[in-house]
Amino acid sequence: MKKRVLIASDTFLPKIDGVSIFLSKVIPDLSKYFKITLIVPNYKNKLKFKSIKNVEIVRTKISSLQIANYNVPLPKRKIIKNLVKNSDIVWIQSIGPIGHSALKYAKKFNKKTIAYIHTIEEKRFPRVTETTSRLRLFFRGIVRLYEQNFYNQCDKLMVASKSISDILDNEGITTKKIIVPMGLDTKQFKPVDEKTKLRLRKKFGIKKDTFVIGYVGRISKEKHLETLRDAFNKFPLENKLLLIVGGGSYLQKRIFNGDKNIKITNFVKDVVPYLQIMDVYVLPSYTETTSISTLEAMSTGLPVAATPVGSVKNYIINGYNGMFFEIGDKKTLIKILLKLYENKELRIKLGKNARKTVSKFSWKATVSKIKKGFNSN
């Protein structure tokens, strides 16, 4: 008989973010080995969501109140209580209202509780709040205590890399940690030849000689997109385009108002063709764990300029498959962009090495590690 796994998450499709992508990739294979139920918010957007075969999805209402670009879920305790009671394993993806309720009842009913660390909220949450620096420090302290208490109540933690494990250790989180790297579909995210690239550019209305600098992901404060915007605006080139594939809050999107050479697509269902028309990919984030979007860019054969945060500093080797700049360092980012613009051979070399590096990532390996974590003591 299959073990019953309850997945508790404060975000899921059709909302697009790293957690949603991760779950959509691993759940279909996990459902072959476990009886899967999800308790997730009832987010709605223009992108259609297909149900997952043999997986029960229970939706909770959401509030109109937004915190850190997310509508706050309003889970019914009775529903979560019954779902937890009827499960063997509770797999938590977030520390919000749904994750909190799932953990509470998992402890009450003595259920095996595992959390996957998608983001370190102590670092992220204060950055996304529209408030003063003093209040951010206050929020950081509160979130740190809450996060520490939350994860120390779990039986196991799944983390993407040893560097994330070390950060949690330093924060006083002593729960046993299992390394479960993120996956990647290198067959889907692949480079294209010059002819195909030009055809795609024509389709999107981009001139063939335009130097396209790109970013894929949410537009939110912890992504530090002001650094990318300012570096792009000072980048001494006329035939340039900053292509931002993603969406976010109005407050964050307005930082790009009036910039004629910046295009924001909002969320799209398939990011692959957008990556394939870029010349350089930039990740300017203040905090990340793995950054699936950066792995996807590397798989597409793009040279990457990134901040050395989270696991990114483990898989990018400066000068081999990408280039680093420190958080907020616009001057260095401009130098990197100039170097890559002027040296096409370097772009090609970094891109080839980037694809070679990420060839070891696969969702099959990720699922295998998760299975092992579920079945071990």
Protein backbone atom coordinates (compact mmCIF):
# COMPACT_ATOMS: atom_id res chain seq x y z
CA MET A 1 0.00 0.00 0.00
CA LYS A 2 1.30 3.43 -0.95
CA LYS A 3 2.23 5.88 1.79
CA ARG A 4 -0.06 8.91 1.94
CA VAL A 5 1.77 12.20 1.49
CA LEU A 6 0.13 15.54 2.20
CA ILE A 7 1.88 18.45 0.48
CA ALA A 8 1.18 21.76 2.20
CA SER A 9 2.12 24.92 0.32
CA ASP A 10 1.14 28.60 0.48
CA THR A 11 1.62 28.91 -3.28
CA PHE A 12 0.87 26.71 -6.27
CA LEU A 13 -0.18 26.82 -9.90
CA PRO A 14 -1.58 28.69 -11.70
CA LYS A 15 0.55 31.21 -9.77
CA ILE A 16 4.04 31.05 -11.24
CA ASP A 17 7.02 31.00 -8.90
CA GLY A 18 9.90 28.71 -7.94
CA VAL A 19 7.82 26.60 -5.53
CA SER A 20 5.03 26.09 -8.08
CA ILE A 21 7.49 25.05 -10.79
CA PHE A 22 9.29 22.68 -8.43
CA LEU A 23 6.07 20.96 -7.33
CA SER A 24 4.71 20.71 -10.88
CA LYS A 25 7.90 18.90 -11.93
CA VAL A 26 8.20 16.41 -9.06
CA ILE A 27 4.58 15.57 -8.20
CA PRO A 28 3.71 13.54 -11.35
CA ASP A 29 6.61 11.12 -10.71
CA LEU A 30 6.11 11.06 -6.94
CA SER A 31 2.47 10.08 -7.48
CA LYS A 32 3.68 6.77 -8.97
CA TYR A 33 5.10 5.81 -5.57
CA PHE A 34 2.93 7.70 -3.06
CA LYS A 35 -0.71 8.70 -2.69
CA ILE A 36 -0.45 12.49 -3.04
CA THR A 37 -2.82 15.15 -1.72
CA LEU A 38 -2.14 18.89 -1.96
CA ILE A 39 -3.52 21.63 0.26
CA VAL A 40 -2.82 24.90 -1.58
CA PRO A 41 -4.34 28.38 -2.15
CA ASN A 42 -6.97 28.98 -4.80
CA TYR A 43 -4.93 31.40 -6.89
CA LYS A 44 -6.39 32.37 -10.24
CA ASN A 45 -4.83 34.02 -13.26
CA LYS A 46 -5.04 33.99 -17.05
CA LEU A 47 -2.77 30.95 -17.36
CA LYS A 48 -4.84 27.77 -17.39
CA PHE A 49 -3.95 25.00 -14.96
CA LYS A 50 -4.47 21.35 -15.75
CA SER A 51 -5.16 18.89 -12.96
CA ILE A 52 -2.50 16.28 -12.15
CA LYS A 53 -3.44 12.66 -12.74
CA ASN A 54 -4.06 10.61 -9.57
CA VAL A 55 -3.42 13.65 -7.34
CA GLU A 56 -6.07 15.24 -5.12
CA ILE A 57 -5.85 19.03 -4.90
CA VAL A 58 -7.67 20.80 -2.08
CA ARG A 59 -7.89 24.59 -2.49
CA THR A 60 -8.23 27.17 0.27
CA LYS A 61 -9.60 30.68 -0.03
CA ILE A 62 -7.23 33.63 -0.22
CA SER A 63 -7.45 37.09 1.31
CA SER A 64 -7.32 40.34 -0.63
CA LEU A 65 -4.44 41.28 1.70
CA GLN A 66 -1.07 41.00 -0.02
CA ILE A 67 2.22 40.43 1.78
CA ALA A 68 5.45 40.18 -0.22
CA ASN A 69 3.48 39.98 -3.52
CA TYR A 70 1.36 37.07 -2.26
CA ASN A 71 -2.30 37.08 -1.28
CA VAL A 72 -2.52 35.62 2.21
CA PRO A 73 -4.18 32.15 2.19
CA LEU A 74 -7.15 31.57 4.53
CA PRO A 75 -7.00 27.85 5.34
CA LYS A 76 -9.83 26.21 7.27
CA ARG A 77 -8.35 24.45 10.27
CA LYS A 78 -10.88 21.60 10.18
CA ILE A 79 -9.95 20.72 6.58
CA ILE A 80 -6.21 20.74 7.27
CA LYS A 81 -6.73 18.81 10.51
CA ASN A 82 -8.52 15.99 8.67
CA LEU A 83 -6.01 15.95 5.81
CA VAL A 84 -3.07 15.69 8.22
CA LYS A 85 -4.82 13.05 10.31
CA ASN A 86 -5.31 10.88 7.20
CA SER A 87 -1.72 11.16 5.98
CA ASP A 88 1.50 9.30 6.75
CA ILE A 89 3.89 12.10 5.78
CA VAL A 90 3.36 15.86 5.82
CA TRP A 91 5.63 17.60 3.30
CA ILE A 92 5.70 21.35 3.90
CA GLN A 93 6.82 23.86 1.25
CA SER A 94 6.38 27.17 3.08
CA ILE A 95 6.05 28.72 6.52
CA GLY A 96 2.89 30.72 5.81
CA PRO A 97 -0.65 30.03 7.11
CA ILE A 98 -1.07 26.69 5.30
CA GLY A 99 2.40 25.45 6.22
CA HIS A 100 1.92 26.62 9.82
CA SER A 101 -1.43 24.83 10.22
CA ALA A 102 -0.08 21.65 8.63
CA LEU A 103 2.90 21.61 11.02
CA LYS A 104 0.66 22.26 14.02
CA TYR A 105 -1.57 19.26 13.31
CA ALA A 106 1.33 17.07 12.22
CA LYS A 107 2.87 17.51 15.67
CA LYS A 108 -0.51 16.88 17.32
CA PHE A 109 -1.05 13.61 15.45
CA ASN A 110 2.62 12.59 15.54
CA LYS A 111 2.99 12.52 11.77
CA LYS A 112 6.35 12.44 10.01
CA THR A 113 7.02 16.05 9.03
CA ILE A 114 9.48 17.13 6.34
CA ALA A 115 9.99 20.65 5.00
CA TYR A 116 11.66 21.65 1.75
CA ILE A 117 13.54 24.96 2.08
CA HIS A 118 12.74 26.99 -1.04
CA THR A 119 13.74 30.32 0.44
CA ILE A 120 15.23 31.64 3.65
CA GLU A 121 12.48 34.03 4.73
CA GLU A 122 14.68 35.70 7.33
CA LYS A 123 16.69 37.09 4.42
CA ARG A 124 13.87 37.53 1.89
CA PHE A 125 10.83 38.81 3.79
CA PRO A 126 12.30 42.03 5.26
CA ARG A 127 13.50 42.99 1.76
CA VAL A 128 10.07 42.73 0.16
CA THR A 129 8.29 44.85 2.75
CA GLU A 130 7.69 48.45 1.67
CA THR A 131 8.95 50.01 4.90
CA THR A 132 11.83 51.80 6.64
CA SER A 133 15.23 50.23 7.27
CA ARG A 134 14.61 50.17 11.04
CA LEU A 135 11.34 48.31 10.60
CA ARG A 136 13.06 45.90 8.21
CA LEU A 137 15.58 45.05 10.92
CA PHE A 138 12.70 44.49 13.34
CA PHE A 139 10.87 42.24 10.87
CA ARG A 140 14.09 40.33 10.20
CA GLY A 141 14.47 39.52 13.88
CA ILE A 142 10.85 38.38 14.22
CA VAL A 143 10.99 36.25 11.06
CA ARG A 144 14.30 34.70 12.15
CA LEU A 145 12.80 33.56 15.47
CA TYR A 146 9.66 32.25 13.77
CA GLU A 147 11.62 30.42 11.08
CA GLN A 148 13.98 28.90 13.63
CA ASN A 149 11.08 27.65 15.75
CA PHE A 150 9.19 26.36 12.71
CA TYR A 151 12.00 24.31 11.19
CA ASN A 152 13.24 22.97 14.52
CA GLN A 153 9.83 21.32 14.99
CA CYS A 154 10.17 19.36 11.73
CA ASP A 155 11.60 15.84 11.65
CA LYS A 156 13.72 16.54 8.55
CA LEU A 157 14.61 19.38 6.23
CA MET A 158 15.32 19.06 2.52
CA VAL A 159 17.78 21.65 1.21
CA ALA A 160 19.15 22.28 -2.27
CA SER A 161 22.83 22.39 -1.31
CA LYS A 162 25.31 22.18 1.54
CA SER A 163 25.70 25.97 1.49
CA ILE A 164 22.00 26.33 2.35
CA SER A 165 22.41 23.70 5.06
CA ASP A 166 25.32 25.68 6.51
CA ILE A 167 23.28 28.90 6.54
CA LEU A 168 20.49 27.16 8.47
CA ASP A 169 23.03 25.68 10.92
CA ASN A 170 24.36 29.17 11.57
CA GLU A 171 20.81 30.38 12.22
CA GLY A 172 20.38 27.81 15.00
CA ILE A 173 18.25 25.37 13.00
CA THR A 174 19.41 21.96 14.21
CA THR A 175 16.94 19.63 12.46
CA LYS A 176 18.52 16.87 10.32
CA LYS A 177 19.09 18.09 6.77
CA ILE A 178 19.05 16.12 3.51
CA ILE A 179 20.59 17.49 0.31
CA VAL A 180 17.98 17.40 -2.48
CA PRO A 181 19.22 19.48 -5.45
CA MET A 182 16.76 21.10 -7.82
CA GLY A 183 16.17 19.48 -11.18
CA LEU A 184 16.21 20.70 -14.75
CA ASP A 185 14.88 19.56 -18.12
CA THR A 186 17.86 20.07 -20.42
CA LYS A 187 15.88 18.70 -23.39
CA GLN A 188 13.35 21.49 -23.01
CA PHE A 189 15.84 24.23 -22.14
CA LYS A 190 18.31 23.99 -24.99
CA PRO A 191 20.30 26.37 -27.20
CA VAL A 192 19.23 27.19 -30.75
CA ASP A 193 21.29 28.00 -33.82
CA GLU A 194 21.66 31.55 -35.13
CA LYS A 195 19.00 31.09 -37.81
CA THR A 196 16.38 29.97 -35.29
CA LYS A 197 17.37 32.75 -32.91
CA LEU A 198 16.81 35.37 -35.62
CA ARG A 199 13.47 33.81 -36.56
CA LEU A 200 12.31 33.97 -32.93
CA ARG A 201 13.49 37.58 -32.64
CA LYS A 202 11.48 38.50 -35.72
CA LYS A 203 8.42 36.84 -34.17
CA PHE A 204 8.82 38.95 -31.02
CA GLY A 205 9.53 42.13 -32.98
CA ILE A 206 13.18 42.42 -31.95
CA LYS A 207 15.79 43.51 -34.48
CA LYS A 208 18.53 41.02 -35.29
CA ASP A 209 21.42 43.30 -34.24
CA THR A 210 19.87 44.23 -30.86
CA PHE A 211 21.91 43.20 -27.82
CA VAL A 212 19.35 41.52 -25.54
CA ILE A 213 20.01 41.39 -21.81
CA GLY A 214 17.49 39.23 -19.98
CA TYR A 215 15.98 38.24 -16.65
CA VAL A 216 13.28 35.66 -15.89
CA GLY A 217 11.30 35.59 -12.65
CA ARG A 218 9.20 37.60 -10.27
CA ILE A 219 9.58 41.36 -10.13
CA SER A 220 10.04 41.83 -6.39
CA LYS A 221 12.34 43.72 -4.07
CA GLU A 222 14.60 40.83 -3.08
CA LYS A 223 15.50 40.38 -6.76
CA HIS A 224 17.27 43.79 -6.65
CA LEU A 225 16.17 44.64 -10.19
CA GLU A 226 17.04 48.31 -9.62
CA THR A 227 20.68 47.27 -9.99
CA LEU A 228 19.97 45.66 -13.37
CA ARG A 229 17.87 48.63 -14.52
CA ASP A 230 20.51 51.22 -13.56
CA ALA A 231 23.36 49.22 -15.11
CA PHE A 232 21.33 48.75 -18.30
CA ASN A 233 20.51 52.46 -18.56
CA LYS A 234 24.20 53.36 -18.22
CA PHE A 235 25.30 50.62 -20.61
CA PRO A 236 26.79 52.68 -23.53
CA LEU A 237 24.94 51.07 -26.41
CA GLU A 238 21.98 52.28 -28.46
CA ASN A 239 20.77 49.02 -29.99
CA LYS A 240 20.05 47.36 -26.64
CA LEU A 241 17.02 45.77 -24.97
CA LEU A 242 16.36 44.67 -21.40
CA LEU A 243 13.87 41.81 -21.58
CA ILE A 244 12.18 40.98 -18.27
CA VAL A 245 10.10 37.82 -18.48
CA GLY A 246 7.81 37.82 -15.48
CA GLY A 247 5.48 39.95 -13.45
CA GLY A 248 5.00 41.33 -9.98
CA SER A 249 3.44 44.07 -7.93
CA TYR A 250 2.61 47.46 -9.40
CA LEU A 251 4.97 49.11 -6.90
CA GLN A 252 7.86 47.09 -8.26
CA LYS A 253 6.97 47.26 -11.96
CA ARG A 254 6.73 51.04 -11.84
CA ILE A 255 10.53 51.30 -11.33
CA PHE A 256 10.74 50.61 -15.08
CA ASN A 257 8.27 53.32 -16.11
CA GLY A 258 9.53 55.51 -18.94
CA ASP A 259 12.35 53.20 -19.99
CA LYS A 260 11.74 52.77 -23.73
CA ASN A 261 14.35 50.01 -24.17
CA ILE A 262 12.91 47.83 -21.41
CA LYS A 263 10.21 45.27 -22.17
CA ILE A 264 8.22 43.42 -19.48
CA THR A 265 6.22 40.43 -20.70
CA ASN A 266 4.43 39.64 -17.41
CA PHE A 267 4.14 35.92 -16.62
CA VAL A 268 4.26 33.59 -19.62
CA LYS A 269 3.52 29.89 -19.83
CA ASP A 270 6.67 29.00 -21.79
CA VAL A 271 9.85 30.96 -21.08
CA VAL A 272 12.09 28.88 -23.38
CA PRO A 273 11.80 30.99 -26.59
CA TYR A 274 12.43 34.15 -24.56
CA LEU A 275 15.66 32.70 -23.18
CA GLN A 276 16.66 31.59 -26.66
CA ILE A 277 16.57 35.17 -28.03
CA MET A 278 18.75 36.61 -25.23
CA ASP A 279 22.47 37.32 -25.46
CA VAL A 280 23.17 37.54 -21.72
CA TYR A 281 21.24 36.55 -18.61
CA VAL A 282 21.48 38.56 -15.38
CA LEU A 283 20.54 37.52 -11.83
CA PRO A 284 20.95 40.56 -9.53
CA SER A 285 19.25 39.01 -6.46
CA TYR A 286 19.86 39.86 -2.84
CA THR A 287 18.90 36.33 -1.79
CA GLU A 288 18.25 32.98 -3.52
CA THR A 289 18.39 29.31 -2.62
CA THR A 290 18.94 27.60 -6.00
CA SER A 291 17.43 29.94 -8.65
CA ILE A 292 15.79 27.57 -11.13
CA SER A 293 15.61 30.38 -13.68
CA THR A 294 19.41 30.74 -13.68
CA LEU A 295 19.87 27.00 -14.23
CA GLU A 296 17.39 27.20 -17.12
CA ALA A 297 19.28 30.13 -18.65
CA MET A 298 22.55 28.19 -18.39
CA SER A 299 20.92 25.13 -19.96
CA THR A 300 19.86 27.34 -22.88
CA GLY A 301 23.54 28.15 -23.43
CA LEU A 302 23.49 31.68 -22.09
CA PRO A 303 26.42 33.38 -20.36
CA VAL A 304 25.24 34.45 -16.91
CA ALA A 305 26.13 37.46 -14.77
CA ALA A 306 24.96 36.80 -11.21
CA THR A 307 25.35 37.73 -7.58
CA PRO A 308 27.08 34.98 -5.53
CA VAL A 309 24.06 34.09 -3.39
CA GLY A 310 22.68 30.79 -2.08
CA SER A 311 23.57 27.76 -4.21
CA VAL A 312 24.34 29.98 -7.21
CA LYS A 313 27.91 30.37 -5.96
CA ASN A 314 28.24 26.57 -5.97
CA TYR A 315 27.41 25.94 -9.62
CA ILE A 316 28.71 29.13 -11.27
CA ILE A 317 32.48 29.30 -11.59
CA ASN A 318 33.58 32.86 -12.24
CA GLY A 319 35.12 33.16 -15.71
CA TYR A 320 34.32 29.55 -16.66
CA ASN A 321 30.53 29.34 -17.03
CA GLY A 322 29.47 32.78 -15.83
CA MET A 323 30.63 35.96 -14.10
CA PHE A 324 29.96 37.34 -10.63
CA PHE A 325 29.23 40.83 -9.35
CA GLU A 326 28.45 41.77 -5.77
CA ILE A 327 24.92 42.74 -4.67
CA GLY A 328 24.14 46.27 -5.83
CA ASP A 329 27.47 46.67 -7.68
CA LYS A 330 26.27 48.43 -10.84
CA LYS A 331 29.74 49.45 -12.01
CA THR A 332 31.02 45.87 -12.11
CA LEU A 333 27.84 44.68 -13.83
CA ILE A 334 28.30 47.35 -16.54
CA LYS A 335 31.90 46.17 -17.05
CA ILE A 336 30.73 42.56 -17.36
CA LEU A 337 28.03 43.49 -19.88
CA LEU A 338 30.53 45.50 -21.93
CA LYS A 339 33.03 42.65 -21.90
CA LEU A 340 30.40 40.17 -23.04
CA TYR A 341 29.06 42.53 -25.72
CA GLU A 342 32.50 43.16 -27.18
CA ASN A 343 33.62 39.52 -27.06
CA LYS A 344 31.19 37.15 -28.77
CA GLU A 345 33.70 34.28 -28.47
CA LEU A 346 33.64 34.70 -24.69
CA ARG A 347 29.84 34.64 -24.67
CA ILE A 348 29.88 31.40 -26.66
CA LYS A 349 32.52 29.83 -24.42
CA LEU A 350 30.74 30.73 -21.18
CA GLY A 351 27.42 29.55 -22.62
CA LYS A 352 28.82 26.17 -23.70
CA ASN A 353 30.44 25.65 -20.31
CA ALA A 354 27.21 26.70 -18.59
CA ARG A 355 25.23 24.05 -20.47
CA LYS A 356 27.90 21.46 -19.71
CA THR A 357 27.72 22.34 -16.00
CA VAL A 358 23.96 21.96 -15.66
CA SER A 359 23.81 18.69 -17.61
CA LYS A 360 24.12 16.87 -14.25
CA PHE A 361 20.85 18.39 -12.99
CA SER A 362 17.70 16.35 -13.61
CA TRP A 363 14.21 16.13 -12.13
CA LYS A 364 14.56 12.34 -12.09
CA ALA A 365 17.50 12.64 -9.67
CA THR A 366 15.53 15.14 -7.57
CA VAL A 367 12.55 12.78 -7.28
CA SER A 368 14.89 9.91 -6.34
CA LYS A 369 16.34 11.97 -3.48
CA ILE A 370 12.87 12.97 -2.28
CA LYS A 371 11.72 9.33 -2.30
CA LYS A 372 14.73 8.37 -0.25
CA GLY A 373 13.96 11.15 2.22
CA PHE A 374 10.34 10.03 2.56
CA ASN A 375 11.24 6.38 3.13
CA SER A 376 14.20 6.81 5.50
CA ASN A 377 13.97 7.25 9.27
